[in-house]
């Protein structure tokens, strides 16, 4: 009887723990396609310059190995070089939603460069009809205008990055990813634009994984964010 009661208690605890998560999401600033290659060697260098040092890409190597790639320690001998840096892990704020952080693109600033993200958000909002046009115009006018159209932003971004209740929080981790294809046959990036100065065979993107919780629980969110980011990088191969 004792074991039965213990089992029920553990089950209830697990259910309550899982019930804190309302939604999860993954956003990318852009997409690209690595050209087919018989070369399967990869060098990985991962860094974390964010507030949450427990988020990592420790399982990225095993994910790529499962796809037939060989992880090597010599960057000069590798056909692919993967550089990953987790640049942000924190609660997102209404004036800087995760969509804006991602829209600002690979290598852009966070926090002090909020307007750069809002300008990037303008192009995303243009796809949302009249409301998008309203937000796009406000983004070009500054933060005061953005605050004035808060209700429009709330209805446009009603997904997991926009808490609906005062106690709700959205915890996000953002990573900048660069994949370099080495060798004379390296192809130009599919997503490269003329005049960007991006080198041939270099692919860059900004990824964001976020968890919408009822109450902030960083330990609960950390493994979910880590898995989403690693899976997203491995998915390019």
C-alpha atoms as a PDB file:
ATOM      1  CA  UNK A   1       0.000   0.000   0.000  1.00  0.00           C
ATOM      2  CA  UNK A   2       2.875   2.274   0.887  1.00  0.00           C
ATOM      3  CA  UNK A   3       4.375   1.882  -2.598  1.00  0.00           C
ATOM      4  CA  UNK A   4       1.057   2.576  -4.256  1.00  0.00           C
ATOM      5  CA  UNK A   5       0.677   5.883  -2.395  1.00  0.00           C
ATOM      6  CA  UNK A   6       4.260   6.835  -3.239  1.00  0.00           C
ATOM      7  CA  UNK A   7       3.608   6.112  -6.901  1.00  0.00           C
ATOM      8  CA  UNK A   8       0.541   8.331  -6.907  1.00  0.00           C
ATOM      9  CA  UNK A   9       2.455  11.182  -5.249  1.00  0.00           C
ATOM     10  CA  UNK A  10       5.283  10.947  -7.789  1.00  0.00           C
ATOM     11  CA  UNK A  11       2.806  10.908 -10.651  1.00  0.00           C
ATOM     12  CA  UNK A  12       1.041  14.006  -9.336  1.00  0.00           C
ATOM     13  CA  UNK A  13       4.346  15.823  -8.869  1.00  0.00           C
ATOM     14  CA  UNK A  14       5.396  15.029 -12.431  1.00  0.00           C
ATOM     15  CA  UNK A  15       2.064  16.219 -13.793  1.00  0.00           C
ATOM     16  CA  UNK A  16       2.236  19.478 -11.869  1.00  0.00           C
ATOM     17  CA  UNK A  17       5.800  20.045 -13.041  1.00  0.00           C
ATOM     18  CA  UNK A  18       4.951  19.528 -16.700  1.00  0.00           C
ATOM     19  CA  UNK A  19       1.837  21.681 -16.375  1.00  0.00           C
ATOM     20  CA  UNK A  20       3.975  24.775 -15.795  1.00  0.00           C
ATOM     21  CA  UNK A  21       4.946  24.827 -19.478  1.00  0.00           C
ATOM     22  CA  UNK A  22       2.302  26.378 -21.709  1.00  0.00           C
ATOM     23  CA  UNK A  23       4.151  26.320 -25.028  1.00  0.00           C
ATOM     24  CA  UNK A  24       7.568  26.181 -26.713  1.00  0.00           C
ATOM     25  CA  UNK A  25       8.813  27.672 -29.947  1.00  0.00           C
ATOM     26  CA  UNK A  26      11.821  27.909 -32.253  1.00  0.00           C
ATOM     27  CA  UNK A  27      12.514  30.879 -34.536  1.00  0.00           C
ATOM     28  CA  UNK A  28      15.251  31.417 -37.154  1.00  0.00           C
ATOM     29  CA  UNK A  29      16.287  34.714 -38.730  1.00  0.00           C
ATOM     30  CA  UNK A  30      16.788  33.025 -42.110  1.00  0.00           C
ATOM     31  CA  UNK A  31      17.121  29.627 -43.744  1.00  0.00           C
ATOM     32  CA  UNK A  32      19.809  28.146 -45.973  1.00  0.00           C
ATOM     33  CA  UNK A  33      20.627  24.841 -47.666  1.00  0.00           C
ATOM     34  CA  UNK A  34      24.005  23.167 -47.490  1.00  0.00           C
ATOM     35  CA  UNK A  35      24.846  21.703 -50.930  1.00  0.00           C
ATOM     36  CA  UNK A  36      25.117  17.906 -51.146  1.00  0.00           C
ATOM     37  CA  UNK A  37      28.578  16.592 -50.331  1.00  0.00           C
ATOM     38  CA  UNK A  38      30.259  13.252 -49.747  1.00  0.00           C
ATOM     39  CA  UNK A  39      32.562  14.918 -47.228  1.00  0.00           C
ATOM     40  CA  UNK A  40      31.338  14.102 -43.720  1.00  0.00           C
ATOM     41  CA  UNK A  41      33.905  15.606 -41.345  1.00  0.00           C
ATOM     42  CA  UNK A  42      32.821  18.316 -38.920  1.00  0.00           C
ATOM     43  CA  UNK A  43      34.648  20.509 -36.416  1.00  0.00           C
ATOM     44  CA  UNK A  44      32.480  22.064 -33.691  1.00  0.00           C
ATOM     45  CA  UNK A  45      33.306  25.048 -31.525  1.00  0.00           C
ATOM     46  CA  UNK A  46      30.539  26.145 -29.161  1.00  0.00           C
ATOM     47  CA  UNK A  47      30.529  29.081 -26.765  1.00  0.00           C
ATOM     48  CA  UNK A  48      28.077  30.548 -24.268  1.00  0.00           C
ATOM     49  CA  UNK A  49      28.221  34.257 -23.460  1.00  0.00           C
ATOM     50  CA  UNK A  50      24.722  34.363 -21.943  1.00  0.00           C
ATOM     51  CA  UNK A  51      23.438  34.546 -18.366  1.00  0.00           C
ATOM     52  CA  UNK A  52      22.539  30.847 -18.332  1.00  0.00           C
ATOM     53  CA  UNK A  53      25.749  28.842 -18.533  1.00  0.00           C
ATOM     54  CA  UNK A  54      23.879  25.540 -18.267  1.00  0.00           C
ATOM     55  CA  UNK A  55      22.607  25.801 -21.846  1.00  0.00           C
ATOM     56  CA  UNK A  56      25.052  24.193 -24.253  1.00  0.00           C
ATOM     57  CA  UNK A  57      25.482  22.280 -27.491  1.00  0.00           C
ATOM     58  CA  UNK A  58      26.948  19.228 -25.770  1.00  0.00           C
ATOM     59  CA  UNK A  59      24.714  16.833 -27.737  1.00  0.00           C
ATOM     60  CA  UNK A  60      25.292  18.420 -31.149  1.00  0.00           C
ATOM     61  CA  UNK A  61      28.172  16.061 -31.903  1.00  0.00           C
ATOM     62  CA  UNK A  62      26.115  12.959 -31.161  1.00  0.00           C
ATOM     63  CA  UNK A  63      23.249  14.264 -33.294  1.00  0.00           C
ATOM     64  CA  UNK A  64      25.588  14.729 -36.264  1.00  0.00           C
ATOM     65  CA  UNK A  65      27.265  11.371 -35.653  1.00  0.00           C
ATOM     66  CA  UNK A  66      23.842   9.723 -35.851  1.00  0.00           C
ATOM     67  CA  UNK A  67      23.522  11.261 -39.324  1.00  0.00           C
ATOM     68  CA  UNK A  68      26.780   9.722 -40.497  1.00  0.00           C
ATOM     69  CA  UNK A  69      29.151  12.621 -39.862  1.00  0.00           C
ATOM     70  CA  UNK A  70      32.527  12.312 -38.167  1.00  0.00           C
ATOM     71  CA  UNK A  71      33.421  14.849 -35.481  1.00  0.00           C
ATOM     72  CA  UNK A  72      37.120  15.743 -35.591  1.00  0.00           C
ATOM     73  CA  UNK A  73      39.291  18.060 -33.511  1.00  0.00           C
ATOM     74  CA  UNK A  74      41.346  19.611 -36.321  1.00  0.00           C
ATOM     75  CA  UNK A  75      39.515  22.538 -37.936  1.00  0.00           C
ATOM     76  CA  UNK A  76      41.926  22.566 -40.884  1.00  0.00           C
ATOM     77  CA  UNK A  77      41.070  18.956 -41.757  1.00  0.00           C
ATOM     78  CA  UNK A  78      37.309  19.323 -41.400  1.00  0.00           C
ATOM     79  CA  UNK A  79      35.041  19.892 -44.380  1.00  0.00           C
ATOM     80  CA  UNK A  80      32.514  21.726 -42.202  1.00  0.00           C
ATOM     81  CA  UNK A  81      33.288  24.100 -39.350  1.00  0.00           C
ATOM     82  CA  UNK A  82      30.388  24.829 -37.010  1.00  0.00           C
ATOM     83  CA  UNK A  83      30.708  27.880 -34.769  1.00  0.00           C
ATOM     84  CA  UNK A  84      27.922  28.430 -32.257  1.00  0.00           C
ATOM     85  CA  UNK A  85      27.561  31.103 -29.606  1.00  0.00           C
ATOM     86  CA  UNK A  86      24.647  31.387 -27.203  1.00  0.00           C
ATOM     87  CA  UNK A  87      24.357  35.163 -26.895  1.00  0.00           C
ATOM     88  CA  UNK A  88      21.219  35.565 -24.799  1.00  0.00           C
ATOM     89  CA  UNK A  89      19.301  33.563 -22.184  1.00  0.00           C
ATOM     90  CA  UNK A  90      16.756  35.462 -20.127  1.00  0.00           C
ATOM     91  CA  UNK A  91      13.143  36.488 -19.735  1.00  0.00           C
ATOM     92  CA  UNK A  92      12.011  38.435 -22.784  1.00  0.00           C
ATOM     93  CA  UNK A  93      10.548  41.893 -22.279  1.00  0.00           C
ATOM     94  CA  UNK A  94       7.511  43.496 -23.954  1.00  0.00           C
ATOM     95  CA  UNK A  95       9.703  46.170 -25.549  1.00  0.00           C
ATOM     96  CA  UNK A  96      12.054  43.527 -26.954  1.00  0.00           C
ATOM     97  CA  UNK A  97      10.182  40.321 -27.823  1.00  0.00           C
ATOM     98  CA  UNK A  98      12.132  37.325 -29.027  1.00  0.00           C
ATOM     99  CA  UNK A  99      10.859  37.964 -32.580  1.00  0.00           C
ATOM    100  CA  UNK A 100      12.704  41.298 -32.604  1.00  0.00           C
ATOM    101  CA  UNK A 101      15.930  39.764 -31.270  1.00  0.00           C
ATOM    102  CA  UNK A 102      15.892  37.177 -34.041  1.00  0.00           C
ATOM    103  CA  UNK A 103      14.786  39.608 -36.758  1.00  0.00           C
ATOM    104  CA  UNK A 104      17.857  41.774 -36.096  1.00  0.00           C
ATOM    105  CA  UNK A 105      19.913  38.894 -37.513  1.00  0.00           C
ATOM    106  CA  UNK A 106      23.195  37.110 -36.978  1.00  0.00           C
ATOM    107  CA  UNK A 107      25.775  39.028 -34.966  1.00  0.00           C
ATOM    108  CA  UNK A 108      23.536  41.989 -34.135  1.00  0.00           C
ATOM    109  CA  UNK A 109      23.401  43.567 -30.703  1.00  0.00           C
ATOM    110  CA  UNK A 110      20.820  42.865 -28.017  1.00  0.00           C
ATOM    111  CA  UNK A 111      19.441  45.273 -25.457  1.00  0.00           C
ATOM    112  CA  UNK A 112      21.166  48.536 -26.343  1.00  0.00           C
ATOM    113  CA  UNK A 113      20.453  47.810 -30.007  1.00  0.00           C
ATOM    114  CA  UNK A 114      16.725  47.410 -29.452  1.00  0.00           C
ATOM    115  CA  UNK A 115      15.842  49.719 -32.338  1.00  0.00           C
ATOM    116  CA  UNK A 116      17.882  47.571 -34.733  1.00  0.00           C
ATOM    117  CA  UNK A 117      15.686  44.650 -33.769  1.00  0.00           C
ATOM    118  CA  UNK A 118      12.539  46.726 -34.191  1.00  0.00           C
ATOM    119  CA  UNK A 119      13.626  47.761 -37.671  1.00  0.00           C
ATOM    120  CA  UNK A 120      14.088  44.087 -38.483  1.00  0.00           C
ATOM    121  CA  UNK A 121      10.650  43.452 -37.042  1.00  0.00           C
ATOM    122  CA  UNK A 122       9.200  45.929 -39.539  1.00  0.00           C
ATOM    123  CA  UNK A 123       9.803  43.577 -42.461  1.00  0.00           C
ATOM    124  CA  UNK A 124       8.256  40.667 -40.542  1.00  0.00           C
ATOM    125  CA  UNK A 125       5.218  42.741 -39.603  1.00  0.00           C
ATOM    126  CA  UNK A 126       4.601  43.738 -43.220  1.00  0.00           C
ATOM    127  CA  UNK A 127       3.299  40.222 -43.807  1.00  0.00           C
ATOM    128  CA  UNK A 128       0.507  40.676 -41.269  1.00  0.00           C
ATOM    129  CA  UNK A 129      -1.794  43.015 -43.207  1.00  0.00           C
ATOM    130  CA  UNK A 130      -3.115  46.296 -41.728  1.00  0.00           C
ATOM    131  CA  UNK A 131      -1.912  45.507 -38.217  1.00  0.00           C
ATOM    132  CA  UNK A 132       1.538  44.711 -39.553  1.00  0.00           C
ATOM    133  CA  UNK A 133       1.667  48.007 -41.419  1.00  0.00           C
ATOM    134  CA  UNK A 134       0.731  49.836 -38.222  1.00  0.00           C
ATOM    135  CA  UNK A 135       3.498  48.153 -36.255  1.00  0.00           C
ATOM    136  CA  UNK A 136       6.001  48.636 -39.064  1.00  0.00           C
ATOM    137  CA  UNK A 137       5.336  52.389 -39.124  1.00  0.00           C
ATOM    138  CA  UNK A 138       5.558  52.599 -35.357  1.00  0.00           C
ATOM    139  CA  UNK A 139       8.883  50.749 -35.338  1.00  0.00           C
ATOM    140  CA  UNK A 140      10.402  53.429 -37.543  1.00  0.00           C
ATOM    141  CA  UNK A 141       9.123  56.155 -35.172  1.00  0.00           C
ATOM    142  CA  UNK A 142      10.679  54.738 -32.011  1.00  0.00           C
ATOM    143  CA  UNK A 143       9.801  52.994 -28.761  1.00  0.00           C
ATOM    144  CA  UNK A 144       7.184  55.554 -27.718  1.00  0.00           C
ATOM    145  CA  UNK A 145       5.143  54.723 -30.777  1.00  0.00           C
ATOM    146  CA  UNK A 146       5.584  51.002 -30.166  1.00  0.00           C
ATOM    147  CA  UNK A 147       4.128  51.429 -26.685  1.00  0.00           C
ATOM    148  CA  UNK A 148       1.173  53.229 -28.235  1.00  0.00           C
ATOM    149  CA  UNK A 149       0.223  50.223 -30.334  1.00  0.00           C
ATOM    150  CA  UNK A 150       0.697  47.618 -27.618  1.00  0.00           C
ATOM    151  CA  UNK A 151      -2.713  46.105 -28.227  1.00  0.00           C
ATOM    152  CA  UNK A 152      -1.916  45.581 -31.907  1.00  0.00           C
ATOM    153  CA  UNK A 153       1.372  43.894 -31.065  1.00  0.00           C
ATOM    154  CA  UNK A 154      -0.395  41.676 -28.570  1.00  0.00           C
ATOM    155  CA  UNK A 155      -2.861  40.444 -31.171  1.00  0.00           C
ATOM    156  CA  UNK A 156      -0.182  39.980 -33.837  1.00  0.00           C
ATOM    157  CA  UNK A 157       2.250  38.058 -31.664  1.00  0.00           C
ATOM    158  CA  UNK A 158      -0.230  36.048 -29.655  1.00  0.00           C
ATOM    159  CA  UNK A 159       2.044  33.010 -29.701  1.00  0.00           C
ATOM    160  CA  UNK A 160       4.283  31.628 -26.967  1.00  0.00           C
ATOM    161  CA  UNK A 161       6.516  34.716 -26.817  1.00  0.00           C
ATOM    162  CA  UNK A 162       3.671  36.945 -25.591  1.00  0.00           C
ATOM    163  CA  UNK A 163       2.527  36.163 -22.024  1.00  0.00           C
ATOM    164  CA  UNK A 164      -1.237  36.542 -21.676  1.00  0.00           C
ATOM    165  CA  UNK A 165      -1.390  36.627 -17.889  1.00  0.00           C
ATOM    166  CA  UNK A 166       0.592  38.845 -15.474  1.00  0.00           C
ATOM    167  CA  UNK A 167       2.280  35.819 -13.932  1.00  0.00           C
ATOM    168  CA  UNK A 168       3.201  34.254 -17.270  1.00  0.00           C
ATOM    169  CA  UNK A 169       6.811  34.481 -18.399  1.00  0.00           C
ATOM    170  CA  UNK A 170       8.607  33.790 -21.649  1.00  0.00           C
ATOM    171  CA  UNK A 171      12.149  32.497 -21.225  1.00  0.00           C
ATOM    172  CA  UNK A 172      14.310  32.448 -24.354  1.00  0.00           C
ATOM    173  CA  UNK A 173      17.819  31.484 -25.436  1.00  0.00           C
ATOM    174  CA  UNK A 174      19.288  32.995 -28.597  1.00  0.00           C
ATOM    175  CA  UNK A 175      22.267  31.584 -30.497  1.00  0.00           C
ATOM    176  CA  UNK A 176      24.300  32.826 -33.461  1.00  0.00           C
ATOM    177  CA  UNK A 177      25.319  29.996 -35.778  1.00  0.00           C
ATOM    178  CA  UNK A 178      27.944  29.988 -38.524  1.00  0.00           C
ATOM    179  CA  UNK A 179      28.626  26.946 -40.705  1.00  0.00           C
ATOM    180  CA  UNK A 180      31.610  27.141 -43.049  1.00  0.00           C
ATOM    181  CA  UNK A 181      32.061  24.663 -45.887  1.00  0.00           C
ATOM    182  CA  UNK A 182      35.774  24.396 -46.558  1.00  0.00           C
ATOM    183  CA  UNK A 183      37.421  23.482 -49.844  1.00  0.00           C
ATOM    184  CA  UNK A 184      37.607  24.783 -53.402  1.00  0.00           C
ATOM    185  CA  UNK A 185      34.126  23.504 -54.211  1.00  0.00           C
ATOM    186  CA  UNK A 186      32.408  25.496 -51.472  1.00  0.00           C
ATOM    187  CA  UNK A 187      29.181  26.968 -52.796  1.00  0.00           C
ATOM    188  CA  UNK A 188      27.741  30.428 -52.338  1.00  0.00           C
ATOM    189  CA  UNK A 189      25.176  30.603 -49.518  1.00  0.00           C
ATOM    190  CA  UNK A 190      21.618  30.107 -50.732  1.00  0.00           C
ATOM    191  CA  UNK A 191      20.415  32.950 -48.524  1.00  0.00           C
ATOM    192  CA  UNK A 192      23.238  35.381 -49.351  1.00  0.00           C
ATOM    193  CA  UNK A 193      22.294  38.780 -50.713  1.00  0.00           C
ATOM    194  CA  UNK A 194      24.344  40.854 -53.091  1.00  0.00           C
ATOM    195  CA  UNK A 195      26.483  43.471 -51.402  1.00  0.00           C
ATOM    196  CA  UNK A 196      26.512  41.764 -47.996  1.00  0.00           C
ATOM    197  CA  UNK A 197      30.166  40.830 -48.256  1.00  0.00           C
ATOM    198  CA  UNK A 198      29.424  37.329 -47.001  1.00  0.00           C
ATOM    199  CA  UNK A 199      32.071  34.866 -48.117  1.00  0.00           C
ATOM    200  CA  UNK A 200      31.392  31.933 -50.375  1.00  0.00           C
ATOM    201  CA  UNK A 201      30.668  28.774 -48.424  1.00  0.00           C
ATOM    202  CA  UNK A 202      29.725  30.619 -45.236  1.00  0.00           C
ATOM    203  CA  UNK A 203      26.216  30.197 -43.831  1.00  0.00           C
ATOM    204  CA  UNK A 204      24.953  32.291 -40.920  1.00  0.00           C
ATOM    205  CA  UNK A 205      21.721  32.427 -38.964  1.00  0.00           C
ATOM    206  CA  UNK A 206      20.338  33.470 -35.597  1.00  0.00           C
ATOM    207  CA  UNK A 207      18.210  30.943 -33.716  1.00  0.00           C
ATOM    208  CA  UNK A 208      15.954  31.438 -30.720  1.00  0.00           C
ATOM    209  CA  UNK A 209      14.284  28.763 -28.619  1.00  0.00           C
ATOM    210  CA  UNK A 210      11.756  29.914 -26.055  1.00  0.00           C
ATOM    211  CA  UNK A 211       9.535  28.428 -23.375  1.00  0.00           C
ATOM    212  CA  UNK A 212       6.288  30.045 -22.249  1.00  0.00           C
ATOM    213  CA  UNK A 213       5.767  29.207 -18.567  1.00  0.00           C
ATOM    214  CA  UNK A 214       3.134  30.022 -15.971  1.00  0.00           C
ATOM    215  CA  UNK A 215       5.884  30.622 -13.419  1.00  0.00           C
ATOM    216  CA  UNK A 216       9.559  31.128 -14.143  1.00  0.00           C
ATOM    217  CA  UNK A 217      11.503  27.884 -13.707  1.00  0.00           C
ATOM    218  CA  UNK A 218      14.927  28.189 -15.297  1.00  0.00           C
ATOM    219  CA  UNK A 219      15.946  24.621 -14.444  1.00  0.00           C
ATOM    220  CA  UNK A 220      12.813  23.344 -16.154  1.00  0.00           C
ATOM    221  CA  UNK A 221      13.358  25.486 -19.252  1.00  0.00           C
ATOM    222  CA  UNK A 222      17.099  24.886 -19.697  1.00  0.00           C
ATOM    223  CA  UNK A 223      17.091  21.304 -21.085  1.00  0.00           C
ATOM    224  CA  UNK A 224      14.187  22.074 -23.414  1.00  0.00           C
ATOM    225  CA  UNK A 225      15.950  25.107 -24.873  1.00  0.00           C
ATOM    226  CA  UNK A 226      19.231  23.242 -25.226  1.00  0.00           C
ATOM    227  CA  UNK A 227      17.586  20.363 -27.089  1.00  0.00           C
ATOM    228  CA  UNK A 228      15.724  22.669 -29.457  1.00  0.00           C
ATOM    229  CA  UNK A 229      18.844  24.666 -30.361  1.00  0.00           C
ATOM    230  CA  UNK A 230      20.992  21.571 -30.921  1.00  0.00           C
ATOM    231  CA  UNK A 231      18.309  19.891 -33.010  1.00  0.00           C
ATOM    232  CA  UNK A 232      17.925  23.020 -35.134  1.00  0.00           C
ATOM    233  CA  UNK A 233      21.650  23.215 -35.923  1.00  0.00           C
ATOM    234  CA  UNK A 234      21.882  19.494 -36.676  1.00  0.00           C
ATOM    235  CA  UNK A 235      18.848  19.810 -38.918  1.00  0.00           C
ATOM    236  CA  UNK A 236      20.892  21.804 -41.422  1.00  0.00           C
ATOM    237  CA  UNK A 237      22.975  18.712 -42.218  1.00  0.00           C
END
